[in-house]
Protein backbone atom coordinates (compact mmCIF):
# COMPACT_ATOMS: atom_id res chain seq x y z
CA MET A 1 23.61 -1.65 12.96
CA ALA A 2 25.89 1.29 12.41
CA GLU A 3 26.18 4.14 14.87
CA LEU A 4 23.49 6.80 14.66
CA ILE A 5 24.92 10.16 13.68
CA ILE A 6 22.54 13.12 13.69
CA ASP A 7 23.47 16.25 11.78
CA ASP A 8 20.14 18.02 12.39
CA ALA A 9 19.87 18.96 16.08
CA ARG A 10 16.07 19.12 15.83
CA LEU A 11 16.01 15.34 15.46
CA LYS A 12 17.77 14.59 18.76
CA PRO A 13 14.68 14.65 21.03
CA ILE A 14 12.68 12.76 18.41
CA ALA A 15 15.39 10.12 18.18
CA GLU A 16 15.43 9.68 21.94
CA ARG A 17 11.67 9.10 22.04
CA ALA A 18 11.71 6.81 19.00
CA LEU A 19 14.49 4.67 20.48
CA ALA A 20 12.56 4.49 23.76
CA GLY A 21 9.50 3.21 21.90
CA GLU A 22 7.41 6.30 22.66
CA ARG A 23 4.65 7.49 20.33
CA LEU A 24 5.58 10.43 18.13
CA GLY A 25 3.20 13.33 17.51
CA PHE A 26 2.22 15.86 14.87
CA ASP A 27 5.13 18.23 15.49
CA ASP A 28 7.56 15.32 15.37
CA GLY A 29 6.17 14.29 11.98
CA ILE A 30 6.62 17.82 10.62
CA ALA A 31 10.20 17.94 11.88
CA LEU A 32 10.98 14.57 10.33
CA TYR A 33 9.58 15.63 6.95
CA ARG A 34 11.37 18.97 6.98
CA SER A 35 14.74 17.68 8.13
CA PRO A 36 17.42 17.44 5.44
CA ASP A 37 19.12 14.70 7.49
CA LEU A 38 17.72 11.81 5.47
CA LEU A 39 20.25 9.29 6.76
CA ALA A 40 19.37 9.92 10.41
CA VAL A 41 15.64 9.70 9.70
CA GLY A 42 16.24 6.50 7.72
CA TRP A 43 18.41 5.05 10.51
CA LEU A 44 15.62 5.56 13.03
CA ALA A 45 13.01 4.04 10.72
CA ASN A 46 15.27 1.06 10.03
CA TYR A 47 15.77 0.60 13.78
CA VAL A 48 12.00 0.37 14.26
CA ARG A 49 11.67 -1.90 11.23
CA GLU A 50 14.38 -4.32 12.37
CA LYS A 51 13.04 -4.36 15.91
CA ARG A 52 9.74 -5.64 14.46
CA HIS A 53 10.91 -7.82 11.58
CA GLY A 54 14.60 -8.52 11.96
CA ASN A 55 16.18 -9.13 8.56
CA VAL A 56 13.04 -10.48 6.87
CA CYS A 57 11.52 -8.90 3.76
CA TYR A 58 8.09 -10.09 2.71
CA TYR A 59 6.70 -10.46 -0.81
CA ASN A 60 3.80 -12.28 -2.46
CA ILE A 61 2.75 -13.77 -5.78
CA ASN A 62 -0.19 -11.68 -6.95
CA ARG A 63 -2.11 -10.87 -10.09
CA HIS A 64 -3.54 -7.39 -10.70
CA ILE A 65 -6.87 -7.30 -12.53
CA ASN A 66 -8.36 -3.95 -13.60
CA PRO A 67 -11.80 -4.92 -14.99
CA THR A 68 -12.49 -1.53 -16.61
CA ASN A 69 -10.91 1.88 -17.04
CA VAL A 70 -14.24 3.58 -17.76
CA CYS A 71 -14.85 6.01 -14.92
CA VAL A 72 -17.26 8.80 -14.08
CA ALA A 73 -14.97 10.47 -11.52
CA HIS A 74 -12.60 12.40 -13.85
CA CYS A 75 -9.94 12.91 -11.17
CA ARG A 76 -7.19 15.32 -12.19
CA LEU A 77 -4.57 13.03 -10.65
CA CYS A 78 -5.54 10.06 -12.83
CA ALA A 79 -4.28 8.92 -16.24
CA PHE A 80 -6.17 5.62 -16.11
CA GLY A 81 -9.84 6.62 -16.27
CA ARG A 82 -11.67 7.11 -19.60
CA ASP A 83 -15.12 8.19 -20.70
CA LEU A 84 -17.27 5.39 -22.04
CA ASP A 85 -16.69 6.27 -25.70
CA ALA A 86 -13.14 7.63 -25.40
CA PRO A 87 -10.18 6.13 -27.28
CA GLY A 88 -8.53 3.44 -25.18
CA ALA A 89 -11.62 2.78 -23.05
CA TYR A 90 -12.13 -0.90 -22.22
CA THR A 91 -14.34 -3.15 -20.11
CA TYR A 92 -13.54 -6.85 -19.76
CA ALA A 93 -16.32 -9.37 -20.10
CA LEU A 94 -16.55 -11.67 -17.09
CA GLU A 95 -14.98 -14.52 -19.05
CA GLU A 96 -11.99 -12.26 -19.82
CA VAL A 97 -11.56 -11.50 -16.12
CA TRP A 98 -11.64 -15.20 -15.27
CA GLN A 99 -9.17 -15.95 -18.05
CA ARG A 100 -6.71 -13.37 -16.75
CA ALA A 101 -7.15 -14.79 -13.28
CA ALA A 102 -6.32 -18.26 -14.60
CA GLN A 103 -3.09 -16.88 -16.05
CA GLY A 104 -2.22 -15.56 -12.58
CA VAL A 105 -2.90 -18.94 -10.99
CA ALA A 106 -0.61 -20.53 -13.56
CA GLU A 107 2.10 -18.17 -12.27
CA GLY A 108 1.41 -19.33 -8.72
CA ALA A 109 -0.70 -16.36 -7.56
CA THR A 110 -2.13 -16.51 -4.05
CA GLU A 111 -3.90 -13.15 -4.45
CA PHE A 112 -6.00 -11.30 -7.01
CA HIS A 113 -5.76 -7.53 -6.56
CA ILE A 114 -8.90 -6.10 -8.21
CA VAL A 115 -9.55 -2.39 -8.71
CA GLY A 116 -11.02 -0.41 -11.59
CA GLY A 117 -12.96 2.61 -12.74
CA LEU A 118 -16.45 3.66 -11.66
CA HIS A 119 -18.35 2.46 -14.72
CA PRO A 120 -21.67 4.28 -15.35
CA ASP A 121 -23.47 1.22 -16.78
CA LEU A 122 -22.24 -1.79 -14.80
CA THR A 123 -24.46 -2.83 -11.90
CA PHE A 124 -23.41 -3.89 -8.42
CA ASP A 125 -24.73 -7.36 -9.26
CA HIS A 126 -22.23 -7.50 -12.15
CA TYR A 127 -19.35 -7.02 -9.73
CA LEU A 128 -20.79 -9.57 -7.30
CA GLU A 129 -21.01 -12.07 -10.17
CA LEU A 130 -17.39 -11.32 -11.06
CA ILE A 131 -16.33 -12.12 -7.49
CA ARG A 132 -18.49 -15.24 -7.24
CA GLY A 133 -17.06 -16.52 -10.52
CA LEU A 134 -13.50 -16.01 -9.31
CA LYS A 135 -14.17 -17.68 -5.95
CA GLN A 136 -15.88 -20.66 -7.59
CA ARG A 137 -13.05 -21.18 -10.07
CA PHE A 138 -10.14 -20.36 -7.74
CA PRO A 139 -11.36 -20.98 -4.17
CA HIS A 140 -7.90 -20.91 -2.61
CA VAL A 141 -6.89 -17.52 -4.04
CA HIS A 142 -7.39 -14.51 -1.78
CA LEU A 143 -9.64 -11.85 -3.36
CA LYS A 144 -8.41 -8.38 -2.38
CA ALA A 145 -10.99 -6.36 -4.24
CA PHE A 146 -12.43 -2.85 -4.55
CA THR A 147 -11.21 0.32 -2.88
CA MET A 148 -13.28 2.38 -0.43
CA VAL A 149 -14.10 4.64 -3.39
CA GLU A 150 -15.56 1.71 -5.33
CA VAL A 151 -17.48 0.53 -2.27
CA HIS A 152 -18.99 4.01 -1.92
CA TYR A 153 -19.98 3.99 -5.59
CA PHE A 154 -21.51 0.51 -5.34
CA SER A 155 -23.59 1.59 -2.35
CA ARG A 156 -24.95 4.55 -4.31
CA ILE A 157 -25.87 2.66 -7.49
CA ALA A 158 -27.37 -0.25 -5.51
CA LYS A 159 -29.11 2.08 -3.02
CA LEU A 160 -27.67 0.16 -0.08
CA SER A 161 -25.96 1.22 3.11
CA ILE A 162 -22.19 0.97 3.23
CA ARG A 163 -22.49 -1.88 5.72
CA ASP A 164 -24.93 -3.87 3.57
CA THR A 165 -22.78 -3.26 0.49
CA LEU A 166 -19.73 -4.64 2.27
CA LEU A 167 -21.68 -7.63 3.62
CA LYS A 168 -22.85 -8.53 0.11
CA MET A 169 -19.27 -8.25 -1.16
CA LYS A 170 -18.06 -10.48 1.65
CA GLU A 171 -20.82 -13.03 1.02
CA ALA A 172 -19.86 -13.14 -2.66
CA GLY A 173 -16.24 -13.95 -1.79
CA VAL A 174 -14.29 -10.74 -1.18
CA ASP A 175 -11.64 -11.52 1.44
CA SER A 176 -10.11 -8.07 2.04
CA LEU A 177 -9.92 -4.59 0.54
CA PRO A 178 -6.98 -2.75 -1.03
CA GLY A 179 -6.07 0.69 0.31
CA GLY A 180 -6.28 2.87 -2.79
CA GLY A 181 -8.30 6.06 -3.19
CA ALA A 182 -7.14 7.56 0.10
CA GLU A 183 -4.83 10.03 -1.71
CA ILE A 184 -4.55 12.82 0.89
CA PHE A 185 -7.53 13.13 3.22
CA ASN A 186 -7.44 16.92 3.57
CA PRO A 187 -10.39 18.60 1.73
CA ARG A 188 -8.17 21.35 0.30
CA VAL A 189 -6.05 18.79 -1.54
CA ARG A 190 -8.96 16.63 -2.67
CA LYS A 191 -10.70 19.65 -4.17
CA ILE A 192 -7.67 20.12 -6.44
CA ILE A 193 -6.71 16.56 -7.35
CA CYS A 194 -9.94 14.51 -7.07
CA ASP A 195 -12.89 16.83 -6.54
CA HIS A 196 -15.60 14.27 -7.42
CA LYS A 197 -14.10 11.36 -5.52
CA THR A 198 -15.22 10.01 -2.14
CA SER A 199 -14.23 12.44 0.63
CA GLY A 200 -11.39 11.67 3.00
CA GLN A 201 -13.81 11.32 5.93
CA MET A 202 -16.01 8.94 3.96
CA TRP A 203 -12.94 6.85 3.03
CA LEU A 204 -12.15 6.49 6.74
CA ASP A 205 -15.78 5.71 7.62
CA ILE A 206 -15.93 2.97 4.97
CA ALA A 207 -12.65 1.48 6.17
CA ARG A 208 -14.00 1.49 9.74
CA THR A 209 -17.18 -0.31 8.64
CA ALA A 210 -15.20 -2.82 6.58
CA HIS A 211 -13.07 -3.68 9.59
CA GLN A 212 -16.19 -4.00 11.77
CA VAL A 213 -17.73 -6.58 9.41
CA GLY A 214 -14.50 -8.59 9.28
CA LEU A 215 -12.89 -7.29 6.09
CA ARG A 216 -9.35 -6.13 6.69
CA SER A 217 -7.73 -3.62 4.35
CA ASN A 218 -4.58 -1.81 3.45
CA ALA A 219 -4.09 1.94 3.67
CA THR A 220 -2.27 4.30 1.33
CA MET A 221 -1.14 7.89 0.93
CA LEU A 222 -0.46 9.53 -2.44
CA TYR A 223 2.42 11.99 -2.08
CA GLY A 224 4.34 14.32 -4.34
CA HIS A 225 1.66 16.59 -5.84
CA VAL A 226 0.07 19.64 -4.13
CA GLU A 227 0.04 18.46 -0.53
CA THR A 228 2.02 20.06 2.31
CA GLU A 229 4.02 18.33 5.03
CA GLU A 230 1.24 19.22 7.48
CA GLU A 231 -1.35 17.50 5.28
CA ARG A 232 0.79 14.38 5.00
CA VAL A 233 1.20 14.15 8.77
CA GLU A 234 -2.51 14.82 9.32
CA HIS A 235 -3.28 11.96 6.91
CA LEU A 236 -0.95 9.55 8.70
CA LEU A 237 -2.29 10.40 12.14
CA LEU A 238 -5.90 9.91 10.99
CA LEU A 239 -4.91 6.43 9.81
CA ARG A 240 -3.15 5.77 13.12
CA GLU A 241 -6.22 6.89 15.06
CA LEU A 242 -8.48 4.53 13.11
CA GLN A 243 -6.00 1.69 13.52
CA ASP A 244 -6.05 2.25 17.29
CA GLU A 245 -9.82 1.79 17.10
CA THR A 246 -10.21 -1.15 14.69
CA LYS A 247 -6.81 -2.82 14.27
CA GLY A 248 -8.05 -3.66 10.78
CA PHE A 249 -5.27 -2.28 8.57
CA VAL A 250 -2.81 -4.90 7.34
CA ALA A 251 -0.16 -2.68 5.74
CA PHE A 252 0.54 0.91 4.77
CA ILE A 253 1.69 1.70 1.24
CA PRO A 254 3.08 5.14 0.34
CA LEU A 255 2.23 5.81 -3.31
CA GLU A 256 4.42 8.13 -5.37
CA PHE A 257 2.46 10.45 -7.67
CA HIS A 258 3.19 10.01 -11.37
CA PRO A 259 2.06 13.19 -13.17
CA ASP A 260 2.56 12.14 -16.79
CA ASN A 261 -0.62 12.01 -18.88
CA THR A 262 -2.71 13.59 -16.09
CA ALA A 263 -4.22 17.07 -15.73
CA LEU A 264 -1.41 17.73 -13.25
CA ALA A 265 1.39 16.95 -15.70
CA HIS A 266 2.93 20.39 -15.06
CA LEU A 267 3.95 19.34 -11.55
CA PRO A 268 7.52 18.15 -10.95
CA LYS A 269 7.98 14.46 -10.30
CA PRO A 270 8.87 13.29 -6.78
CA THR A 271 12.55 12.57 -6.20
CA GLY A 272 14.33 9.60 -4.67
CA PHE A 273 14.75 11.72 -1.52
CA ASP A 274 10.95 12.13 -1.38
CA ALA A 275 10.43 8.41 -1.87
CA LEU A 276 12.69 7.42 1.01
CA LYS A 277 11.27 10.10 3.33
CA ASN A 278 7.78 8.79 2.66
CA ILE A 279 8.84 5.30 3.65
CA ALA A 280 10.77 6.37 6.76
CA VAL A 281 8.42 8.94 8.29
CA PRO A 282 5.33 6.69 8.12
CA ARG A 283 7.34 3.86 9.71
CA LEU A 284 8.11 6.14 12.64
CA LEU A 285 4.61 7.61 13.01
CA LEU A 286 2.50 4.52 12.31
CA ASP A 287 3.54 2.60 15.39
CA ASN A 288 0.40 0.44 15.27
CA PHE A 289 0.88 -0.73 11.66
CA ASP A 290 2.80 -3.98 11.35
CA HIS A 291 3.94 -3.52 7.76
CA ILE A 292 5.20 -0.77 5.44
CA LYS A 293 5.43 -1.63 1.73
CA ALA A 294 7.93 -0.34 -0.79
CA TYR A 295 5.76 -0.65 -3.91
CA TRP A 296 8.37 -1.35 -6.57
CA ILE A 297 5.98 -0.63 -9.45
CA MET A 298 5.95 3.06 -8.52
CA LEU A 299 9.37 3.43 -6.92
CA THR A 300 11.46 1.30 -9.31
CA THR A 301 13.13 -1.82 -7.99
CA ARG A 302 16.33 0.11 -7.22
CA ILE A 303 14.64 2.60 -4.89
CA ALA A 304 12.54 -0.20 -3.40
CA GLN A 305 15.73 -2.06 -2.47
CA ILE A 306 17.08 1.02 -0.68
CA ALA A 307 13.71 1.49 1.04
CA LEU A 308 14.25 -1.87 2.75
CA ARG A 309 16.87 -0.01 4.83
CA PHE A 310 14.61 3.01 5.40
CA GLY A 311 11.68 1.34 7.18
CA ALA A 312 10.01 -0.91 4.60
CA ASP A 313 9.67 -4.63 5.36
CA ASP A 314 7.72 -5.62 2.22
CA ILE A 315 8.45 -5.13 -1.49
CA ASP A 316 4.90 -6.10 -2.63
CA GLY A 317 4.57 -8.85 -5.22
CA THR A 318 4.98 -10.12 -8.75
CA VAL A 319 1.94 -7.98 -9.81
CA ILE A 320 1.51 -9.37 -13.39
CA GLU A 321 0.04 -6.62 -15.59
CA GLU A 322 -0.34 -3.32 -13.75
CA LYS A 323 -2.22 -0.64 -15.73
CA ILE A 324 -3.06 2.32 -13.49
CA TYR A 325 0.43 3.69 -12.83
CA HIS A 326 1.80 2.70 -16.21
CA ASP A 327 -0.88 4.85 -17.84
CA ALA A 328 0.57 7.68 -15.73
CA GLY A 329 4.08 7.15 -17.05
CA ALA A 330 5.57 4.46 -14.82
CA THR A 331 8.53 2.90 -16.65
CA THR A 332 8.96 -0.17 -14.46
CA GLU A 333 8.17 -3.67 -15.68
CA GLN A 334 4.59 -4.87 -15.26
CA PHE A 335 5.73 -8.22 -13.92
CA THR A 336 8.67 -9.34 -11.80
CA PRO A 337 9.10 -13.11 -11.37
CA ARG A 338 9.44 -14.64 -7.93
CA ALA A 339 13.09 -15.52 -8.47
CA GLU A 340 13.91 -11.94 -9.44
CA LEU A 341 12.09 -10.54 -6.40
CA GLU A 342 14.07 -12.87 -4.16
CA ARG A 343 17.30 -11.87 -5.90
CA LEU A 344 16.54 -8.17 -5.38
CA ILE A 345 15.73 -8.73 -1.72
CA ARG A 346 18.90 -10.73 -1.08
CA ALA A 347 20.99 -8.14 -2.93
CA ALA A 348 19.65 -5.58 -0.45
CA GLY A 349 20.89 -7.75 2.40
CA ARG A 350 17.47 -9.02 3.46
CA GLU A 351 15.96 -12.50 3.79
CA PRO A 352 13.01 -13.06 1.39
CA VAL A 353 9.88 -14.61 2.85
CA GLU A 354 6.89 -15.35 0.67
CA ARG A 355 3.58 -14.46 2.34
CA ASP A 356 -0.09 -14.50 1.54
CA THR A 357 -2.23 -11.34 1.63
CA LEU A 358 -2.64 -11.35 5.41
CA TYR A 359 1.00 -12.34 6.04
CA GLY A 360 0.27 -16.00 6.53
CA PRO A 361 2.81 -18.65 5.53
CA VAL A 362 3.26 -19.88 1.96
CA GLY A 363 5.14 -23.17 1.92
CA ARG A 364 7.26 -23.03 -1.23
CA SER A 365 10.27 -21.18 -2.68
CA GLY A 366 12.51 -23.44 -0.63
CA LEU A 367 11.23 -21.82 2.54
CA GLN A 368 10.63 -23.91 5.60
CA SER A 369 7.20 -22.82 6.82
CA ALA A 370 7.37 -19.09 6.25
CA PRO A 371 6.42 -17.28 9.48
CA SER A 372 3.42 -14.99 9.75
CA GLY A 373 1.91 -12.36 12.04
CA ALA A 374 3.31 -12.09 15.56
CA GLU A 375 4.88 -15.52 15.08
CA GLY A 376 6.69 -14.25 12.01
CA GLU A 377 7.89 -11.14 13.78
CA ALA A 378 9.29 -13.21 16.63
CA ALA A 379 10.99 -15.53 14.16
CA ALA A 380 12.38 -12.56 12.29
CA LYS A 381 13.93 -11.25 15.47
CA ARG A 382 15.46 -14.63 16.23
CA SER A 383 16.86 -14.99 12.71
CA SER A 384 18.64 -11.67 12.73
CA SER A 385 20.79 -9.72 15.09
CA GLY A 386 18.50 -6.76 14.28
CA PRO A 387 19.02 -3.67 16.40
CA SER A 388 19.41 -5.58 19.68
CA GLY A 389 22.55 -4.81 21.56
CA THR A 390 23.20 -1.73 19.44
CA ILE A 391 25.03 1.06 21.22
CA VAL A 392 23.45 4.30 20.08
CA THR A 393 25.31 7.56 20.28
CA LEU A 394 23.47 10.73 19.39
CA ASN A 395 26.15 12.86 17.75
CA VAL A 396 24.69 16.32 17.29
């Protein structure tokens, strides 16, 4: 790795603690966000990333399925949701869901990523039947289905506890949960961008319960709208606190807000600087999260490649038909083939490793038993010089 050069003197004590492997705090997070020294912040995040994962970059073959865009929540941040009788509203029949899933399997998918709107007429049993049908037809595909917001909604319409709702989902075949709907936990922000959505505290409580019943999940943060640096750091530290307790989060995904076609379309779009900061700072603060994703659908593949040097160790997957962020103006492709993902990763100087949802090995793509978990991290360190032996000079 290159020599660390720090232009912002405020970063020097933070750098010393980060390089020593010490936990950073709230004030450190604020300083990192407010520092204009993006390269120094990125260097530190890359140091932590390479210490964990060496030169490896993970990806997977996944199929997104959004069963309906009909939603009762009416969040101001959202361009996806529709009223039941609005133009563009849709709800797939179960056979249509299974057909789209079959298309994903034909592409080699090891994961179905399933999220949708909060439909006023569909029952909880309908969603359980959807999951059972997928598991019966495609038993070897991992079902990552339903955000904490959807779980909360299911519990209300079924008049069940959160725990019982999750247990029924698990019994039907749900294997893990995605991390969407977290947005920013702070009530001030949620009142502006998603007033009728599950509260931040409830999101955390549902994630805790999911982890307790054996359903792991991802975690997210939506940045680039009305939140402050303090509210971002608060959000990250709440996730870190819960991860200390449950160890149930698989990966953290920073999500860039796309304002087009939303009630917040007057807001400026996040910049590339914002995107890289929101990869790097979480990598430094979330010391108990194994993985940070650069979600190419939202970032563009070009920014995602750069993010692999700013703390990200995963570029997500092939996706195959993403609707939610494209309705909000995303201009990226809705599908990137495996070969193209591997080309992008190699062009960024990283070694592509195909994974399953929980970072287990997938034996194809010319890989020789792709490593996973702690085993994978150890292998990553062995396969790359990483940061070991680096002489660090703090030039202030």
